[in-house]
Amino acid sequence: MPIRDPGRVLIVTDNDRIGQAESLAAALQKRGTQARVFYSIPCNTRFDRYIIHPVNHYANTLRLVSKHTNLFQGHPKSHKEFRSAQLRRLCQEYRPELLVLLRGRLGFTHAALAEVKREARLFCWFIEGDHLVREIAEEAVLYDRLYTISTEALAWAERQGLREVSLLQHAVDTDRFFPMSLPKVHDWCFLGGWSPRRQTYLRALLQVSARCVIYGAGWRRRAWRSPRLWLQVYGRGIWGPAVNRLYNQCRVVINVSSWQETGRGPAGLNMRFLEVPAAGACLLSDYAGDAERLLRRGEEFMSADTPEEMQAKLAQLLADDAERERVARRGRETASGVRTYSHVAEELCRDWSRCEGSA
């Protein structure tokens, strides 16, 4: 059956910092499909921001109510109700044929999703960690199609009896991540929010080299007991073209997942796994079960199962320029083509066409 692309697609995501929704929209537009993006976090009211949120926060902190109690449940100006109403309005105006929830857990009411589903196919690309997929259990029954980025999350969905599910790993936008002719001014860098597991790894790497850069939320607040580590934190976040520039200025880019705090590591891969090699940098990552579905371990990226092993691997890469550049080059050659947003757009359109054909 030939693929018939949807005429209009609405992509729903939380914020505009990561750029994933824009990359997917651009790939769809190249196919001749109209694509718009709706951001859920900025869609808020001052009443929620300055009244509802603080009241709930202090009521929970002081244990006046249970942790998950919302004193303003159902209020039309609460964040969830307001953005649900805005989603309904946008769907009525734009009339998409396909609505893609990019990550799930976006906080819309069940009634709002059920309403928009009557007018458009509802797909969800769940791009969170393996263990978080359980949080969409209630609304997953509404999806016409669910994609996960890990085999563990896929197995969970299949155990729930969901039939229209498949694995769809992260992609890379080569217009955003590409090699630049810049001097290497840092031995290594790390981007990502604080977690105990990440701090354990980075403290070990500091013993190899302190010529490093760390960006991410929570590091300055949580890592103050490790002064050497704390001093390498440059900010809460870094976004857009500055990320590609930083990757190009580092000899090695470190990737450590926060999705699993115990054991060997998660199955799923985060966005850095393809973006770093596509930028022409050498990737050194912790273990991820699905990694070699995209890149070859030891050839196109380097991997370590423990902080001590990562420490040794970093020392080897910094001491051997030829080996480091070989890994970076091979990684770039594969990552730039193995999975782009054109691949994602094609899969979404193919599944939408199949859904429409079976209706």
Protein backbone atom coordinates (compact mmCIF):
# COMPACT_ATOMS: atom_id res chain seq x y z
CA MET A 1 0.00 0.00 0.00
CA PRO A 2 1.50 3.41 -0.96
CA ILE A 3 2.17 5.87 1.86
CA ARG A 4 -0.29 8.78 2.02
CA ASP A 5 1.16 11.55 4.20
CA PRO A 6 -1.09 13.57 6.52
CA GLY A 7 -1.81 17.09 5.34
CA ARG A 8 -1.49 18.72 8.77
CA VAL A 9 0.43 17.53 11.85
CA LEU A 10 0.44 19.09 15.31
CA ILE A 11 3.46 18.24 17.47
CA VAL A 12 2.96 18.75 21.21
CA THR A 13 6.00 19.08 23.49
CA ASP A 14 6.91 20.76 26.76
CA ASN A 15 9.38 23.54 25.83
CA ASP A 16 11.44 24.95 22.98
CA ARG A 17 14.92 24.48 24.45
CA ILE A 18 15.75 21.01 23.16
CA GLY A 19 14.73 21.59 19.54
CA GLN A 20 13.38 18.08 18.93
CA ALA A 21 9.90 19.21 17.92
CA GLU A 22 11.29 21.80 15.50
CA SER A 23 13.55 19.22 13.87
CA LEU A 24 10.66 16.82 13.42
CA ALA A 25 8.44 19.59 12.05
CA ALA A 26 11.13 20.54 9.52
CA ALA A 27 11.43 16.91 8.39
CA LEU A 28 7.67 16.67 7.91
CA GLN A 29 7.59 19.93 5.98
CA LYS A 30 10.23 18.58 3.60
CA ARG A 31 7.73 15.83 2.77
CA GLY A 32 5.09 18.44 1.92
CA THR A 33 3.18 18.15 5.21
CA GLN A 34 2.15 21.22 7.21
CA ALA A 35 3.51 20.97 10.75
CA ARG A 36 2.99 23.16 13.82
CA VAL A 37 4.38 22.89 17.34
CA PHE A 38 2.47 23.48 20.60
CA TYR A 39 4.51 24.05 23.80
CA SER A 40 2.76 23.00 27.00
CA ILE A 41 4.96 24.59 29.68
CA PRO A 42 4.68 28.26 28.56
CA CYS A 43 0.92 27.80 28.17
CA ASN A 44 0.07 28.98 31.68
CA THR A 45 -1.73 31.69 33.64
CA ARG A 46 -0.39 34.16 36.19
CA PHE A 47 -2.97 32.88 38.66
CA ASP A 48 -1.46 29.40 38.43
CA ARG A 49 2.13 30.68 38.54
CA TYR A 50 1.75 33.05 41.50
CA ILE A 51 -1.18 31.58 43.47
CA ILE A 52 -1.94 27.94 42.69
CA HIS A 53 1.62 26.65 42.39
CA PRO A 54 3.00 28.35 45.57
CA VAL A 55 -0.02 27.37 47.68
CA ASN A 56 0.22 23.73 46.61
CA HIS A 57 4.00 23.75 47.09
CA TYR A 58 3.90 25.04 50.68
CA ALA A 59 0.89 22.89 51.60
CA ASN A 60 2.83 19.82 50.47
CA THR A 61 6.11 20.98 52.05
CA LEU A 62 4.43 21.63 55.41
CA ARG A 63 2.57 18.30 55.05
CA LEU A 64 -0.80 19.96 55.38
CA VAL A 65 -1.96 17.73 52.54
CA SER A 66 -0.57 14.58 50.94
CA LYS A 67 2.21 14.95 48.38
CA HIS A 68 0.10 14.51 45.24
CA THR A 69 -2.93 16.50 46.41
CA ASN A 70 -3.84 19.52 44.30
CA LEU A 71 -5.93 22.01 46.27
CA PHE A 72 -7.10 23.59 43.00
CA GLN A 73 -8.00 20.37 41.18
CA GLY A 74 -10.17 21.20 38.16
CA HIS A 75 -9.79 24.98 38.45
CA PRO A 76 -10.06 26.47 34.92
CA LYS A 77 -6.93 28.60 35.46
CA SER A 78 -4.77 25.78 36.77
CA HIS A 79 -1.95 24.80 34.43
CA LYS A 80 -3.44 21.44 33.44
CA GLU A 81 -6.95 22.71 32.76
CA PHE A 82 -5.77 25.86 30.98
CA ARG A 83 -3.37 24.16 28.58
CA SER A 84 -5.95 21.44 27.91
CA ALA A 85 -8.42 24.15 26.87
CA GLN A 86 -5.77 25.78 24.68
CA LEU A 87 -5.01 22.44 23.01
CA ARG A 88 -8.70 21.96 22.24
CA ARG A 89 -8.92 25.46 20.77
CA LEU A 90 -5.83 25.01 18.62
CA CYS A 91 -7.09 21.68 17.27
CA GLN A 92 -10.42 23.26 16.36
CA GLU A 93 -8.64 26.03 14.46
CA TYR A 94 -5.82 24.05 12.84
CA ARG A 95 -7.71 20.76 12.37
CA PRO A 96 -4.68 18.43 12.35
CA GLU A 97 -4.97 14.96 10.88
CA LEU A 98 -2.22 13.68 13.17
CA LEU A 99 -1.34 14.85 16.69
CA VAL A 100 2.04 13.71 18.03
CA LEU A 101 2.71 13.89 21.77
CA LEU A 102 6.47 14.24 21.95
CA ARG A 103 7.47 12.62 25.26
CA GLY A 104 4.12 11.98 27.00
CA ARG A 105 3.47 13.06 30.63
CA LEU A 106 2.60 16.50 29.28
CA GLY A 107 -0.20 17.01 31.77
CA PHE A 108 -3.34 17.25 29.66
CA THR A 109 -6.67 16.06 31.00
CA HIS A 110 -7.94 12.69 29.86
CA ALA A 111 -11.09 14.39 28.55
CA ALA A 112 -9.06 16.81 26.38
CA LEU A 113 -7.04 14.00 24.79
CA ALA A 114 -10.19 11.97 24.19
CA GLU A 115 -11.81 14.98 22.51
CA VAL A 116 -8.95 15.76 20.12
CA LYS A 117 -8.61 12.05 19.33
CA ARG A 118 -12.09 12.13 17.80
CA GLU A 119 -10.79 14.52 15.13
CA ALA A 120 -7.19 13.31 14.61
CA ARG A 121 -4.99 10.26 15.03
CA LEU A 122 -3.16 10.45 18.35
CA PHE A 123 0.45 9.20 18.40
CA CYS A 124 2.86 9.37 21.34
CA TRP A 125 6.64 9.19 21.02
CA PHE A 126 7.67 8.53 24.63
CA ILE A 127 11.24 9.78 24.95
CA GLU A 128 11.67 9.47 28.71
CA GLY A 129 13.51 6.81 30.71
CA ASP A 130 12.52 3.15 30.93
CA HIS A 131 10.94 3.36 34.37
CA LEU A 132 8.88 6.48 33.63
CA VAL A 133 6.79 4.87 30.90
CA ARG A 134 4.46 3.55 33.62
CA GLU A 135 3.29 7.11 34.22
CA ILE A 136 1.40 7.17 30.92
CA ALA A 137 -0.46 3.93 31.64
CA GLU A 138 -3.86 5.61 32.05
CA GLU A 139 -3.74 7.67 28.87
CA ALA A 140 -1.92 5.07 26.73
CA VAL A 141 -5.27 3.44 25.91
CA LEU A 142 -6.13 6.60 23.94
CA TYR A 143 -3.11 6.41 21.65
CA ASP A 144 -3.50 5.12 18.13
CA ARG A 145 0.23 4.44 18.23
CA LEU A 146 2.88 4.43 20.97
CA TYR A 147 6.61 4.62 20.24
CA THR A 148 9.27 4.04 22.88
CA ILE A 149 13.00 4.74 22.78
CA SER A 150 13.99 1.58 24.65
CA THR A 151 13.36 -2.13 24.41
CA GLU A 152 12.53 -2.25 28.14
CA ALA A 153 9.76 0.34 27.76
CA LEU A 154 8.51 -1.49 24.68
CA ALA A 155 8.33 -4.76 26.62
CA TRP A 156 6.34 -3.02 29.37
CA ALA A 157 3.84 -1.64 26.82
CA GLU A 158 3.38 -5.07 25.28
CA ARG A 159 2.77 -6.58 28.73
CA GLN A 160 -0.03 -4.03 29.21
CA GLY A 161 -1.75 -5.45 26.15
CA LEU A 162 -1.05 -2.43 23.94
CA ARG A 163 -0.98 -3.66 20.36
CA GLU A 164 0.08 -0.61 18.36
CA VAL A 165 3.55 -0.11 19.86
CA SER A 166 7.05 -0.11 18.40
CA LEU A 167 10.62 0.93 19.10
CA LEU A 168 11.62 4.35 17.75
CA GLN A 169 15.01 5.47 19.05
CA HIS A 170 16.23 9.05 19.15
CA ALA A 171 17.31 10.80 15.96
CA VAL A 172 19.80 13.55 15.15
CA ASP A 173 19.37 16.80 13.23
CA THR A 174 22.55 17.25 11.19
CA ASP A 175 21.67 20.90 10.58
CA ARG A 176 22.11 21.42 14.33
CA PHE A 177 24.99 19.02 15.06
CA PHE A 178 27.98 19.02 12.74
CA PRO A 179 31.80 19.36 12.89
CA MET A 180 33.32 22.83 13.26
CA SER A 181 36.96 23.88 12.90
CA LEU A 182 37.51 24.91 16.51
CA PRO A 183 40.45 24.35 18.86
CA LYS A 184 40.02 21.78 21.62
CA VAL A 185 40.04 23.85 24.80
CA HIS A 186 38.49 21.29 27.19
CA ASP A 187 39.54 17.72 27.88
CA TRP A 188 35.95 16.69 28.55
CA CYS A 189 32.48 18.05 29.16
CA PHE A 190 29.20 16.84 30.56
CA LEU A 191 25.66 18.16 29.96
CA GLY A 192 22.77 17.04 32.14
CA GLY A 193 21.04 17.56 35.47
CA TRP A 194 22.52 16.39 38.76
CA SER A 195 21.89 12.89 40.06
CA PRO A 196 23.79 10.76 42.60
CA ARG A 197 24.88 8.34 39.86
CA ARG A 198 26.19 11.12 37.66
CA GLN A 199 28.09 12.72 40.52
CA THR A 200 29.84 9.41 41.27
CA TYR A 201 31.01 9.14 37.66
CA LEU A 202 32.11 12.77 37.30
CA ARG A 203 34.06 12.78 40.57
CA ALA A 204 36.02 9.81 39.24
CA LEU A 205 36.72 11.61 35.95
CA LEU A 206 38.00 14.70 37.75
CA GLN A 207 40.89 12.59 39.00
CA VAL A 208 41.93 12.16 35.36
CA SER A 209 41.57 15.79 34.29
CA ALA A 210 40.05 18.95 35.77
CA ARG A 211 40.08 20.72 32.37
CA CYS A 212 36.38 20.19 31.99
CA VAL A 213 32.99 21.90 31.71
CA ILE A 214 29.73 20.84 33.39
CA TYR A 215 26.29 22.23 32.61
CA GLY A 216 23.05 21.14 34.20
CA ALA A 217 20.35 21.86 36.73
CA GLY A 218 21.00 21.05 40.37
CA TRP A 219 24.80 20.78 40.29
CA ARG A 220 25.55 24.02 42.14
CA ARG A 221 22.94 23.22 44.77
CA ARG A 222 23.76 19.55 45.26
CA ALA A 223 27.51 19.25 44.59
CA TRP A 224 28.79 21.90 47.02
CA ARG A 225 30.35 19.21 49.25
CA SER A 226 32.70 18.38 46.36
CA PRO A 227 34.45 21.74 45.75
CA ARG A 228 36.55 20.52 42.81
CA LEU A 229 33.43 19.33 41.05
CA TRP A 230 31.38 22.38 42.01
CA LEU A 231 33.97 24.73 40.50
CA GLN A 232 33.62 23.09 37.08
CA VAL A 233 29.89 23.88 36.86
CA TYR A 234 29.38 26.67 34.33
CA GLY A 235 25.60 26.99 34.47
CA ARG A 236 22.17 25.36 34.78
CA GLY A 237 21.92 24.70 31.06
CA ILE A 238 23.22 25.33 27.59
CA TRP A 239 21.00 25.28 24.51
CA GLY A 240 20.88 25.71 20.76
CA PRO A 241 24.00 26.33 18.65
CA ALA A 242 26.11 26.72 21.81
CA VAL A 243 25.78 22.97 22.46
CA ASN A 244 27.27 22.02 19.09
CA ARG A 245 30.03 24.57 19.60
CA LEU A 246 30.91 23.12 23.02
CA TYR A 247 31.03 19.56 21.68
CA ASN A 248 33.46 20.73 19.01
CA GLN A 249 35.70 22.33 21.66
CA CYS A 250 36.04 19.14 23.74
CA ARG A 251 38.36 16.19 23.24
CA VAL A 252 35.82 13.83 24.84
CA VAL A 253 32.13 14.28 25.63
CA ILE A 254 30.80 12.28 28.58
CA ASN A 255 27.35 10.74 28.68
CA VAL A 256 25.98 9.28 31.92
CA SER A 257 22.29 8.41 32.24
CA SER A 258 20.26 9.42 35.27
CA TRP A 259 17.45 7.03 34.41
CA GLN A 260 18.73 4.20 36.60
CA GLU A 261 20.49 4.90 39.87
CA THR A 262 21.38 1.28 40.66
CA GLY A 263 22.69 -1.60 38.63
CA ARG A 264 24.48 -1.51 35.31
CA GLY A 265 22.37 1.09 33.55
CA PRO A 266 19.22 1.59 31.48
CA ALA A 267 18.34 0.15 28.09
CA GLY A 268 17.27 3.40 26.41
CA LEU A 269 19.53 6.05 24.94
CA ASN A 270 19.25 9.79 25.41
CA MET A 271 19.66 12.37 22.64
CA ARG A 272 23.37 12.90 23.28
CA PHE A 273 24.15 9.43 22.01
CA LEU A 274 23.79 10.50 18.35
CA GLU A 275 24.28 14.25 18.68
CA VAL A 276 27.80 14.03 20.09
CA PRO A 277 29.25 11.82 17.31
CA ALA A 278 27.39 13.82 14.64
CA ALA A 279 29.15 16.94 15.95
CA GLY A 280 32.48 15.21 15.32
CA ALA A 281 33.32 14.63 18.99
CA CYS A 282 34.44 11.45 20.71
CA LEU A 283 31.65 10.01 22.87
CA LEU A 284 32.42 8.16 26.12
CA SER A 285 29.20 6.78 27.60
CA ASP A 286 28.06 4.58 30.42
CA TYR A 287 26.40 1.28 29.58
CA ALA A 288 23.10 1.31 27.68
CA GLY A 289 21.46 -1.90 26.58
CA ASP A 290 20.20 -0.60 23.22
CA ALA A 291 23.39 1.26 22.26
CA GLU A 292 24.69 -1.10 19.60
CA ARG A 293 21.43 -0.94 17.69
CA LEU A 294 22.83 2.36 16.38
CA LEU A 295 26.61 2.53 16.90
CA ARG A 296 29.36 -0.04 17.43
CA ARG A 297 30.87 -0.06 20.89
CA GLY A 298 34.64 0.42 20.83
CA GLU A 299 34.55 1.56 17.21
CA GLU A 300 32.11 4.48 16.89
CA PHE A 301 31.78 5.30 20.58
CA MET A 302 33.50 4.26 23.78
CA SER A 303 31.64 2.75 26.68
CA ALA A 304 32.28 1.85 30.31
CA ASP A 305 30.30 -0.27 32.74
CA THR A 306 31.57 1.35 35.96
CA PRO A 307 32.98 4.72 37.10
CA GLU A 308 36.42 3.13 37.45
CA GLU A 309 36.32 1.77 33.91
CA MET A 310 35.18 5.12 32.55
CA GLN A 311 38.03 6.78 34.43
CA ALA A 312 40.52 4.45 32.74
CA LYS A 313 38.93 4.90 29.30
CA LEU A 314 39.08 8.70 29.59
CA ALA A 315 42.76 8.57 30.50
CA GLN A 316 43.46 6.37 27.47
CA LEU A 317 41.56 8.65 25.09
CA LEU A 318 43.26 11.80 26.32
CA ALA A 319 46.68 10.16 25.98
CA ASP A 320 46.08 8.76 22.48
CA ASP A 321 45.10 11.48 20.00
CA ALA A 322 45.02 9.10 17.03
CA GLU A 323 42.65 6.64 18.73
CA ARG A 324 40.37 9.42 19.96
CA GLU A 325 40.16 10.99 16.51
CA ARG A 326 39.54 7.60 14.91
CA VAL A 327 36.55 6.95 17.19
CA ALA A 328 35.22 10.46 16.57
CA ARG A 329 35.54 10.12 12.79
CA ARG A 330 33.86 6.73 12.59
CA GLY A 331 31.15 7.87 14.97
CA ARG A 332 30.41 10.92 12.83
CA GLU A 333 30.22 8.89 9.62
CA THR A 334 27.62 6.53 11.10
CA ALA A 335 25.67 8.84 13.41
CA SER A 336 25.02 11.42 10.72
CA GLY A 337 23.00 8.93 8.68
CA VAL A 338 21.87 6.04 10.86
CA ARG A 339 18.78 7.81 12.23
CA THR A 340 17.76 11.34 11.27
CA TYR A 341 14.43 13.08 11.67
CA SER A 342 13.66 12.19 8.07
CA HIS A 343 13.58 8.55 9.22
CA VAL A 344 11.25 9.48 12.09
CA ALA A 345 8.95 11.49 9.83
CA GLU A 346 8.76 8.60 7.36
CA GLU A 347 7.79 6.13 10.08
CA LEU A 348 5.12 8.44 11.51
CA CYS A 349 3.62 9.01 8.06
CA ARG A 350 3.71 5.32 7.20
CA ASP A 351 1.91 4.37 10.41
CA TRP A 352 -0.62 7.19 9.98
CA SER A 353 -1.34 6.02 6.44
CA ARG A 354 -1.80 2.45 7.66
CA CYS A 355 -4.19 3.62 10.41
CA GLU A 356 -6.23 5.59 7.91
CA GLY A 357 -6.26 2.68 5.49
CA SER A 358 -7.61 0.31 8.13
CA ALA A 359 -10.26 2.73 9.44
